[in-house]
Structures are given as C-alpha cells and as structure tokens.
C-alpha cells in the first residue's frame, strides 16, 4: 500500500472522527473508504459521459 498524507480542515477532521468513533473503526479507515467510494462514483460518471 502507498501511504498518503492528507491535510483536513479541523471541522472536516472532527466530522469524520465522529463517524469513525460511531462505527468503531479508525479515522484512517473511514477516510480510505470514503475516498474509495468517491473514486468509484467518479469513474462511473466518467464512463457515462465519455
């Protein structure tokens, strides 16, 4: 795996931290899952418009 550093606004970090705590997973896992889902959605959109 490749390690990536993200800089988040404090309010964004707090939002995803609350989600992570509610789900019982790490902040890193929540962010990874969210980015993976977004990448999939953007790929599908690109295929439909391209």
C-alpha atoms as a PDB file:
ATOM      1  CA  UNK A   1       0.000   0.000   0.000  1.00  0.00           C
ATOM      2  CA  UNK A   2       1.009   3.586  -0.539  1.00  0.00           C
ATOM      3  CA  UNK A   3       0.956   5.959   2.408  1.00  0.00           C
ATOM      4  CA  UNK A   4      -0.603   9.378   1.753  1.00  0.00           C
ATOM      5  CA  UNK A   5      -0.705  12.485   3.924  1.00  0.00           C
ATOM      6  CA  UNK A   6      -3.933  14.498   3.920  1.00  0.00           C
ATOM      7  CA  UNK A   7      -4.460  17.949   5.348  1.00  0.00           C
ATOM      8  CA  UNK A   8      -8.033  18.403   6.557  1.00  0.00           C
ATOM      9  CA  UNK A   9      -9.836  21.422   7.857  1.00  0.00           C
ATOM     10  CA  UNK A  10     -10.499  20.955  11.591  1.00  0.00           C
ATOM     11  CA  UNK A  11     -14.260  20.738  11.049  1.00  0.00           C
ATOM     12  CA  UNK A  12     -13.831  18.030   8.408  1.00  0.00           C
ATOM     13  CA  UNK A  13     -11.492  16.044  10.647  1.00  0.00           C
ATOM     14  CA  UNK A  14     -13.970  16.328  13.514  1.00  0.00           C
ATOM     15  CA  UNK A  15     -16.850  15.187  11.298  1.00  0.00           C
ATOM     16  CA  UNK A  16     -15.008  12.076  10.099  1.00  0.00           C
ATOM     17  CA  UNK A  17     -13.678  11.388  13.605  1.00  0.00           C
ATOM     18  CA  UNK A  18     -17.259  11.245  14.886  1.00  0.00           C
ATOM     19  CA  UNK A  19     -18.179   8.831  12.099  1.00  0.00           C
ATOM     20  CA  UNK A  20     -15.154   6.664  12.888  1.00  0.00           C
ATOM     21  CA  UNK A  21     -15.998   6.564  16.593  1.00  0.00           C
ATOM     22  CA  UNK A  22     -19.631   5.715  15.858  1.00  0.00           C
ATOM     23  CA  UNK A  23     -18.578   2.887  13.531  1.00  0.00           C
ATOM     24  CA  UNK A  24     -15.840   1.638  15.843  1.00  0.00           C
ATOM     25  CA  UNK A  25     -13.121   1.964  13.224  1.00  0.00           C
ATOM     26  CA  UNK A  26     -10.120   4.216  12.743  1.00  0.00           C
ATOM     27  CA  UNK A  27     -10.276   7.656  11.190  1.00  0.00           C
ATOM     28  CA  UNK A  28      -7.877   6.412   8.526  1.00  0.00           C
ATOM     29  CA  UNK A  29     -10.258   3.584   7.592  1.00  0.00           C
ATOM     30  CA  UNK A  30     -13.227   5.939   7.298  1.00  0.00           C
ATOM     31  CA  UNK A  31     -11.259   8.322   5.081  1.00  0.00           C
ATOM     32  CA  UNK A  32      -9.941   5.448   2.975  1.00  0.00           C
ATOM     33  CA  UNK A  33     -13.430   4.040   2.477  1.00  0.00           C
ATOM     34  CA  UNK A  34     -14.871   7.455   1.626  1.00  0.00           C
ATOM     35  CA  UNK A  35     -12.161   8.163  -0.942  1.00  0.00           C
ATOM     36  CA  UNK A  36     -12.510   4.688  -2.472  1.00  0.00           C
ATOM     37  CA  UNK A  37     -16.272   5.160  -2.845  1.00  0.00           C
ATOM     38  CA  UNK A  38     -15.803   8.616  -4.368  1.00  0.00           C
ATOM     39  CA  UNK A  39     -13.254   7.251  -6.841  1.00  0.00           C
ATOM     40  CA  UNK A  40     -15.718   4.579  -7.936  1.00  0.00           C
ATOM     41  CA  UNK A  41     -18.530   7.098  -8.384  1.00  0.00           C
ATOM     42  CA  UNK A  42     -16.304   9.451 -10.386  1.00  0.00           C
ATOM     43  CA  UNK A  43     -15.115   6.556 -12.567  1.00  0.00           C
ATOM     44  CA  UNK A  44     -18.687   5.542 -13.358  1.00  0.00           C
ATOM     45  CA  UNK A  45     -19.579   9.135 -14.163  1.00  0.00           C
ATOM     46  CA  UNK A  46     -16.563   9.464 -16.446  1.00  0.00           C
ATOM     47  CA  UNK A  47     -17.540   6.287 -18.291  1.00  0.00           C
ATOM     48  CA  UNK A  48     -21.098   7.547 -18.797  1.00  0.00           C
ATOM     49  CA  UNK A  49     -20.063  10.952 -20.106  1.00  0.00           C
ATOM     50  CA  UNK A  50     -17.004   9.806 -22.050  1.00  0.00           C
END
